[in-house]
Amino acid sequence: MEEHHGARVAQALALKLRAAIDRKGWTVAELSRNSGVARYTISKALNGEAWPDLLTIANLEKALEADLWPGREV
């Protein structure tokens, strides 16, 4: 059975988020402070357990200075 497209998008976003956090050398708590996004929300996104809304993604991208949305490549 083919994996659901939404699941692939969530996984790709989680990988991009983890890579961006690692590049900054931040913890989830530091990203939370710098982005205004709750640690719980960031953790859920990293684990693929939640879909961040557009404002959340925008705030994370701004804080991390990175593009997180995987786009059409997924």
PDB file of N, CA and C in Angstrom:
ATOM      1  N   MET A   1       0.837  -1.183   0.000  1.00  0.00           N
ATOM      2  CA  MET A   1       0.000   0.000   0.000  1.00  0.00           C
ATOM      3  C   MET A   1       0.888   1.254   0.000  1.00  0.00           C
ATOM      4  N   GLU A   2       0.563   2.195  -0.859  1.00  0.00           N
ATOM      5  CA  GLU A   2       1.351   3.415  -0.954  1.00  0.00           C
ATOM      6  C   GLU A   2       1.111   4.311   0.259  1.00  0.00           C
ATOM      7  N   GLU A   3       2.194   4.918   0.736  1.00  0.00           N
ATOM      8  CA  GLU A   3       2.105   5.827   1.875  1.00  0.00           C
ATOM      9  C   GLU A   3       1.287   7.060   1.487  1.00  0.00           C
ATOM     10  N   HIS A   4       0.478   7.537   2.390  1.00  0.00           N
ATOM     11  CA  HIS A   4      -0.372   8.703   2.167  1.00  0.00           C
ATOM     12  C   HIS A   4       0.481   9.948   1.940  1.00  0.00           C
ATOM     13  N   HIS A   5       0.103  10.754   0.970  1.00  0.00           N
ATOM     14  CA  HIS A   5       0.845  11.978   0.651  1.00  0.00           C
ATOM     15  C   HIS A   5       0.989  12.882   1.887  1.00  0.00           C
ATOM     16  N   GLY A   6      -0.070  13.028   2.670  1.00  0.00           N
ATOM     17  CA  GLY A   6      -0.028  13.862   3.872  1.00  0.00           C
ATOM     18  C   GLY A   6       1.020  13.379   4.860  1.00  0.00           C
ATOM     19  N   ALA A   7       1.158  12.069   4.975  1.00  0.00           N
ATOM     20  CA  ALA A   7       2.165  11.506   5.883  1.00  0.00           C
ATOM     21  C   ALA A   7       3.569  11.849   5.391  1.00  0.00           C
ATOM     22  N   ARG A   8       3.776  11.794   4.078  1.00  0.00           N
ATOM     23  CA  ARG A   8       5.084  12.149   3.520  1.00  0.00           C
ATOM     24  C   ARG A   8       5.403  13.621   3.764  1.00  0.00           C
ATOM     25  N   VAL A   9       4.403  14.480   3.619  1.00  0.00           N
ATOM     26  CA  VAL A   9       4.610  15.915   3.867  1.00  0.00           C
ATOM     27  C   VAL A   9       4.980  16.146   5.330  1.00  0.00           C
ATOM     28  N   ALA A  10       4.255  15.515   6.240  1.00  0.00           N
ATOM     29  CA  ALA A  10       4.531  15.678   7.672  1.00  0.00           C
ATOM     30  C   ALA A  10       5.937  15.189   8.014  1.00  0.00           C
ATOM     31  N   GLN A  11       6.348  14.072   7.436  1.00  0.00           N
ATOM     32  CA  GLN A  11       7.677  13.536   7.687  1.00  0.00           C
ATOM     33  C   GLN A  11       8.758  14.472   7.135  1.00  0.00           C
ATOM     34  N   ALA A  12       8.531  14.994   5.938  1.00  0.00           N
ATOM     35  CA  ALA A  12       9.507  15.901   5.329  1.00  0.00           C
ATOM     36  C   ALA A  12       9.625  17.186   6.139  1.00  0.00           C
ATOM     37  N   LEU A  13       8.490  17.708   6.605  1.00  0.00           N
ATOM     38  CA  LEU A  13       8.518  18.920   7.421  1.00  0.00           C
ATOM     39  C   LEU A  13       9.269  18.656   8.728  1.00  0.00           C
ATOM     40  N   ALA A  14       9.023  17.518   9.337  1.00  0.00           N
ATOM     41  CA  ALA A  14       9.711  17.171  10.589  1.00  0.00           C
ATOM     42  C   ALA A  14      11.223  17.073  10.370  1.00  0.00           C
ATOM     43  N   LEU A  15      11.638  16.481   9.255  1.00  0.00           N
ATOM     44  CA  LEU A  15      13.070  16.359   8.967  1.00  0.00           C
ATOM     45  C   LEU A  15      13.703  17.727   8.732  1.00  0.00           C
ATOM     46  N   LYS A  16      13.007  18.588   7.998  1.00  0.00           N
ATOM     47  CA  LYS A  16      13.533  19.939   7.751  1.00  0.00           C
ATOM     48  C   LYS A  16      13.600  20.736   9.053  1.00  0.00           C
ATOM     49  N   LEU A  17      12.594  20.571   9.900  1.00  0.00           N
ATOM     50  CA  LEU A  17      12.575  21.263  11.187  1.00  0.00           C
ATOM     51  C   LEU A  17      13.747  20.800  12.052  1.00  0.00           C
ATOM     52  N   ARG A  18      13.964  19.496  12.146  1.00  0.00           N
ATOM     53  CA  ARG A  18      15.074  18.957  12.947  1.00  0.00           C
ATOM     54  C   ARG A  18      16.407  19.452  12.413  1.00  0.00           C
ATOM     55  N   ALA A  19      16.585  19.441  11.098  1.00  0.00           N
ATOM     56  CA  ALA A  19      17.844  19.896  10.500  1.00  0.00           C
ATOM     57  C   ALA A  19      18.083  21.377  10.789  1.00  0.00           C
ATOM     58  N   ALA A  20      17.046  22.193  10.699  1.00  0.00           N
ATOM     59  CA  ALA A  20      17.184  23.629  10.953  1.00  0.00           C
ATOM     60  C   ALA A  20      17.516  23.901  12.414  1.00  0.00           C
ATOM     61  N   ILE A  21      16.893  23.163  13.321  1.00  0.00           N
ATOM     62  CA  ILE A  21      17.196  23.305  14.752  1.00  0.00           C
ATOM     63  C   ILE A  21      18.661  22.931  15.003  1.00  0.00           C
ATOM     64  N   ASP A  22      19.089  21.835  14.405  1.00  0.00           N
ATOM     65  CA  ASP A  22      20.467  21.380  14.589  1.00  0.00           C
ATOM     66  C   ASP A  22      21.467  22.387  14.022  1.00  0.00           C
ATOM     67  N   ARG A  23      21.153  22.966  12.849  1.00  0.00           N
ATOM     68  CA  ARG A  23      22.058  23.971  12.260  1.00  0.00           C
ATOM     69  C   ARG A  23      22.230  25.175  13.184  1.00  0.00           C
ATOM     70  N   LYS A  24      21.145  25.570  13.848  1.00  0.00           N
ATOM     71  CA  LYS A  24      21.213  26.694  14.783  1.00  0.00           C
ATOM     72  C   LYS A  24      21.906  26.299  16.085  1.00  0.00           C
ATOM     73  N   GLY A  25      21.943  25.002  16.371  1.00  0.00           N
ATOM     74  CA  GLY A  25      22.513  24.531  17.631  1.00  0.00           C
ATOM     75  C   GLY A  25      21.585  24.787  18.804  1.00  0.00           C
ATOM     76  N   TRP A  26      20.294  24.859  18.512  1.00  0.00           N
ATOM     77  CA  TRP A  26      19.299  25.171  19.536  1.00  0.00           C
ATOM     78  C   TRP A  26      18.643  23.910  20.077  1.00  0.00           C
ATOM     79  N   THR A  27      18.084  24.042  21.263  1.00  0.00           N
ATOM     80  CA  THR A  27      17.191  23.033  21.817  1.00  0.00           C
ATOM     81  C   THR A  27      15.769  23.418  21.423  1.00  0.00           C
ATOM     82  N   VAL A  28      14.839  22.519  21.673  1.00  0.00           N
ATOM     83  CA  VAL A  28      13.434  22.830  21.421  1.00  0.00           C
ATOM     84  C   VAL A  28      13.002  24.015  22.280  1.00  0.00           C
ATOM     85  N   ALA A  29      13.489  24.073  23.510  1.00  0.00           N
ATOM     86  CA  ALA A  29      13.151  25.186  24.403  1.00  0.00           C
ATOM     87  C   ALA A  29      13.658  26.515  23.840  1.00  0.00           C
ATOM     88  N   GLU A  30      14.871  26.512  23.285  1.00  0.00           N
ATOM     89  CA  GLU A  30      15.412  27.746  22.696  1.00  0.00           C
ATOM     90  C   GLU A  30      14.602  28.172  21.473  1.00  0.00           C
ATOM     91  N   LEU A  31      14.225  27.199  20.639  1.00  0.00           N
ATOM     92  CA  LEU A  31      13.396  27.522  19.481  1.00  0.00           C
ATOM     93  C   LEU A  31      12.052  28.076  19.942  1.00  0.00           C
ATOM     94  N   SER A  32      11.504  27.497  20.980  1.00  0.00           N
ATOM     95  CA  SER A  32      10.232  27.977  21.520  1.00  0.00           C
ATOM     96  C   SER A  32      10.343  29.439  21.949  1.00  0.00           C
ATOM     97  N   ARG A  33      11.388  29.756  22.688  1.00  0.00           N
ATOM     98  CA  ARG A  33      11.594  31.138  23.140  1.00  0.00           C
ATOM     99  C   ARG A  33      11.782  32.101  21.972  1.00  0.00           C
ATOM    100  N   ASN A  34      12.525  31.673  20.973  1.00  0.00           N
ATOM    101  CA  ASN A  34      12.843  32.547  19.848  1.00  0.00           C
ATOM    102  C   ASN A  34      11.720  32.674  18.826  1.00  0.00           C
ATOM    103  N   SER A  35      10.807  31.726  18.818  1.00  0.00           N
ATOM    104  CA  SER A  35       9.735  31.729  17.820  1.00  0.00           C
ATOM    105  C   SER A  35       8.367  32.090  18.396  1.00  0.00           C
ATOM    106  N   GLY A  36       8.221  31.939  19.714  1.00  0.00           N
ATOM    107  CA  GLY A  36       6.905  32.146  20.310  1.00  0.00           C
ATOM    108  C   GLY A  36       5.973  30.953  20.137  1.00  0.00           C
ATOM    109  N   VAL A  37       6.513  29.836  19.647  1.00  0.00           N
ATOM    110  CA  VAL A  37       5.736  28.611  19.455  1.00  0.00           C
ATOM    111  C   VAL A  37       5.967  27.713  20.666  1.00  0.00           C
ATOM    112  N   ALA A  38       4.908  27.151  21.198  1.00  0.00           N
ATOM    113  CA  ALA A  38       5.002  26.308  22.388  1.00  0.00           C
ATOM    114  C   ALA A  38       5.897  25.089  22.150  1.00  0.00           C
ATOM    115  N   ARG A  39       6.668  24.722  23.164  1.00  0.00           N
ATOM    116  CA  ARG A  39       7.531  23.538  23.073  1.00  0.00           C
ATOM    117  C   ARG A  39       6.730  22.298  22.703  1.00  0.00           C
ATOM    118  N   TYR A  40       5.545  22.174  23.289  1.00  0.00           N
ATOM    119  CA  TYR A  40       4.672  21.028  23.016  1.00  0.00           C
ATOM    120  C   TYR A  40       4.357  20.944  21.519  1.00  0.00           C
ATOM    121  N   THR A  41       4.051  22.075  20.912  1.00  0.00           N
ATOM    122  CA  THR A  41       3.711  22.119  19.494  1.00  0.00           C
ATOM    123  C   THR A  41       4.917  21.731  18.644  1.00  0.00           C
ATOM    124  N   ILE A  42       6.088  22.242  18.997  1.00  0.00           N
ATOM    125  CA  ILE A  42       7.308  21.911  18.263  1.00  0.00           C
ATOM    126  C   ILE A  42       7.600  20.419  18.394  1.00  0.00           C
ATOM    127  N   SER A  43       7.504  19.882  19.590  1.00  0.00           N
ATOM    128  CA  SER A  43       7.763  18.461  19.814  1.00  0.00           C
ATOM    129  C   SER A  43       6.800  17.591  19.018  1.00  0.00           C
ATOM    130  N   LYS A  44       5.534  17.963  19.009  1.00  0.00           N
ATOM    131  CA  LYS A  44       4.533  17.203  18.248  1.00  0.00           C
ATOM    132  C   LYS A  44       4.856  17.225  16.756  1.00  0.00           C
ATOM    133  N   ALA A  45       5.285  18.380  16.247  1.00  0.00           N
ATOM    134  CA  ALA A  45       5.656  18.488  14.828  1.00  0.00           C
ATOM    135  C   ALA A  45       6.884  17.633  14.533  1.00  0.00           C
ATOM    136  N   LEU A  46       7.870  17.667  15.421  1.00  0.00           N
ATOM    137  CA  LEU A  46       9.086  16.872  15.230  1.00  0.00           C
ATOM    138  C   LEU A  46       8.796  15.376  15.215  1.00  0.00           C
ATOM    139  N   ASN A  47       7.801  14.955  15.983  1.00  0.00           N
ATOM    140  CA  ASN A  47       7.436  13.544  16.064  1.00  0.00           C
ATOM    141  C   ASN A  47       6.401  13.152  15.020  1.00  0.00           C
ATOM    142  N   GLY A  48       5.995  14.110  14.171  1.00  0.00           N
ATOM    143  CA  GLY A  48       4.985  13.825  13.158  1.00  0.00           C
ATOM    144  C   GLY A  48       3.610  13.555  13.732  1.00  0.00           C
ATOM    145  N   GLU A  49       3.360  14.041  14.936  1.00  0.00           N
ATOM    146  CA  GLU A  49       2.094  13.788  15.619  1.00  0.00           C
ATOM    147  C   GLU A  49       1.085  14.916  15.446  1.00  0.00           C
ATOM    148  N   ALA A  50       1.518  16.029  14.857  1.00  0.00           N
ATOM    149  CA  ALA A  50       0.621  17.172  14.688  1.00  0.00           C
ATOM    150  C   ALA A  50       1.009  17.940  13.436  1.00  0.00           C
ATOM    151  N   TRP A  51       0.013  18.563  12.831  1.00  0.00           N
ATOM    152  CA  TRP A  51       0.227  19.431  11.682  1.00  0.00           C
ATOM    153  C   TRP A  51       0.267  20.859  12.180  1.00  0.00           C
ATOM    154  N   PRO A  52       1.418  21.517  12.112  1.00  0.00           N
ATOM    155  CA  PRO A  52       1.444  22.926  12.507  1.00  0.00           C
ATOM    156  C   PRO A  52       0.642  23.761  11.505  1.00  0.00           C
ATOM    157  N   ASP A  53      -0.039  24.772  11.999  1.00  0.00           N
ATOM    158  CA  ASP A  53      -0.777  25.652  11.089  1.00  0.00           C
ATOM    159  C   ASP A  53       0.195  26.591  10.388  1.00  0.00           C
ATOM    160  N   LEU A  54      -0.308  27.335   9.421  1.00  0.00           N
ATOM    161  CA  LEU A  54       0.561  28.187   8.609  1.00  0.00           C
ATOM    162  C   LEU A  54       1.274  29.259   9.422  1.00  0.00           C
ATOM    163  N   LEU A  55       0.600  29.859  10.385  1.00  0.00           N
ATOM    164  CA  LEU A  55       1.230  30.881  11.216  1.00  0.00           C
ATOM    165  C   LEU A  55       2.359  30.267  12.048  1.00  0.00           C
ATOM    166  N   THR A  56       2.149  29.078  12.557  1.00  0.00           N
ATOM    167  CA  THR A  56       3.188  28.384  13.327  1.00  0.00           C
ATOM    168  C   THR A  56       4.405  28.108  12.455  1.00  0.00           C
ATOM    169  N   ILE A  57       4.166  27.593  11.255  1.00  0.00           N
ATOM    170  CA  ILE A  57       5.275  27.323  10.336  1.00  0.00           C
ATOM    171  C   ILE A  57       6.014  28.612  10.010  1.00  0.00           C
ATOM    172  N   ALA A  58       5.265  29.687   9.754  1.00  0.00           N
ATOM    173  CA  ALA A  58       5.890  30.974   9.447  1.00  0.00           C
ATOM    174  C   ALA A  58       6.743  31.466  10.609  1.00  0.00           C
ATOM    175  N   ASN A  59       6.263  31.331  11.830  1.00  0.00           N
ATOM    176  CA  ASN A  59       7.029  31.763  13.004  1.00  0.00           C
ATOM    177  C   ASN A  59       8.289  30.923  13.187  1.00  0.00           C
ATOM    178  N   LEU A  60       8.177  29.628  12.947  1.00  0.00           N
ATOM    179  CA  LEU A  60       9.349  28.753  13.051  1.00  0.00           C
ATOM    180  C   LEU A  60      10.368  29.087  11.967  1.00  0.00           C
ATOM    181  N   GLU A  61       9.891  29.295  10.741  1.00  0.00           N
ATOM    182  CA  GLU A  61      10.791  29.643   9.642  1.00  0.00           C
ATOM    183  C   GLU A  61      11.522  30.954   9.912  1.00  0.00           C
ATOM    184  N   LYS A  62      10.803  31.935  10.432  1.00  0.00           N
ATOM    185  CA  LYS A  62      11.414  33.232  10.724  1.00  0.00           C
ATOM    186  C   LYS A  62      12.502  33.082  11.784  1.00  0.00           C
ATOM    187  N   ALA A  63      12.193  32.372  12.869  1.00  0.00           N
ATOM    188  CA  ALA A  63      13.164  32.195  13.954  1.00  0.00           C
ATOM    189  C   ALA A  63      14.384  31.401  13.490  1.00  0.00           C
ATOM    190  N   LEU A  64      14.146  30.383  12.681  1.00  0.00           N
ATOM    191  CA  LEU A  64      15.228  29.501  12.242  1.00  0.00           C
ATOM    192  C   LEU A  64      15.951  30.019  10.997  1.00  0.00           C
ATOM    193  N   GLU A  65      15.364  31.043  10.362  1.00  0.00           N
ATOM    194  CA  GLU A  65      15.910  31.554   9.095  1.00  0.00           C
ATOM    195  C   GLU A  65      16.068  30.415   8.097  1.00  0.00           C
ATOM    196  N   ALA A  66      14.991  29.621   7.967  1.00  0.00           N
ATOM    197  CA  ALA A  66      15.024  28.446   7.098  1.00  0.00           C
ATOM    198  C   ALA A  66      13.637  28.183   6.533  1.00  0.00           C
ATOM    199  N   ASP A  67      13.591  27.599   5.342  1.00  0.00           N
ATOM    200  CA  ASP A  67      12.327  27.161   4.756  1.00  0.00           C
ATOM    201  C   ASP A  67      12.023  25.760   5.270  1.00  0.00           C
ATOM    202  N   LEU A  68      10.827  25.591   5.803  1.00  0.00           N
ATOM    203  CA  LEU A  68      10.445  24.289   6.353  1.00  0.00           C
ATOM    204  C   LEU A  68       9.446  23.534   5.493  1.00  0.00           C
ATOM    205  N   TRP A  69       8.609  24.257   4.765  1.00  0.00           N
ATOM    206  CA  TRP A  69       7.579  23.579   3.976  1.00  0.00           C
ATOM    207  C   TRP A  69       8.250  22.809   2.844  1.00  0.00           C
ATOM    208  N   PRO A  70       7.954  21.505   2.719  1.00  0.00           N
ATOM    209  CA  PRO A  70       8.653  20.687   1.741  1.00  0.00           C
ATOM    210  C   PRO A  70       8.286  20.985   0.280  1.00  0.00           C
ATOM    211  N   GLY A  71       7.167  21.625   0.042  1.00  0.00           N
ATOM    212  CA  GLY A  71       6.800  21.969  -1.320  1.00  0.00           C
ATOM    213  C   GLY A  71       6.385  20.755  -2.134  1.00  0.00           C
ATOM    214  N   ARG A  72       6.536  20.882  -3.430  1.00  0.00           N
ATOM    215  CA  ARG A  72       6.065  19.828  -4.344  1.00  0.00           C
ATOM    216  C   ARG A  72       7.020  18.659  -4.457  1.00  0.00           C
ATOM    217  N   GLU A  73       8.194  18.771  -3.864  1.00  0.00           N
ATOM    218  CA  GLU A  73       9.184  17.702  -4.005  1.00  0.00           C
ATOM    219  C   GLU A  73       8.783  16.420  -3.284  1.00  0.00           C
ATOM    220  N   VAL A  74       7.797  16.491  -2.428  1.00  0.00           N
ATOM    221  CA  VAL A  74       7.386  15.328  -1.628  1.00  0.00           C
ATOM    222  C   VAL A  74       6.382  14.483  -2.380  1.00  0.00           C
TER     223      VAL A  74
END
